[in-house]
Amino acid sequence: MYPELEDIRASIAALEAVDAQQDSAFSEAVGIYSDDPVSPSVMALVWRGRLADLKIADEVCQLPPPTAAQLINAVLINAFNAWHMDYTRRALPPTVTAGPAF
């Protein structure tokens, strides 16, 4: 009856589909990083854009505080970066490519 109304409904449906895809990507994306894949002393898990788990071995507590802080911060930054890359991969349609993650 009203072609403009149908165009608006189609646009709303497209926006809702994108929103659902973004929500799904946010819920499913995971970032995991450790300082050593064989024998990790620090390991971090990021889920839903937040730190979900952090494991620190006792041996890290014996390091000088600046060294321990650098190691823990490096693992955390890389876990968040891994999460962001996974989220971006899941959130973007297959025809869109993302630029470099910072």
Foldseek 3Di string as FASTA:
>chain_A
DDVVVVVVVVVVVVVVVLVVQLVVLLQPFKFKFFPDPVDGQWIWIDHSLHTPDIHHHPVLVVDPVVVSVVRNVVNVVRRSLSRVVSSVVSNDDPVDDDDDDD
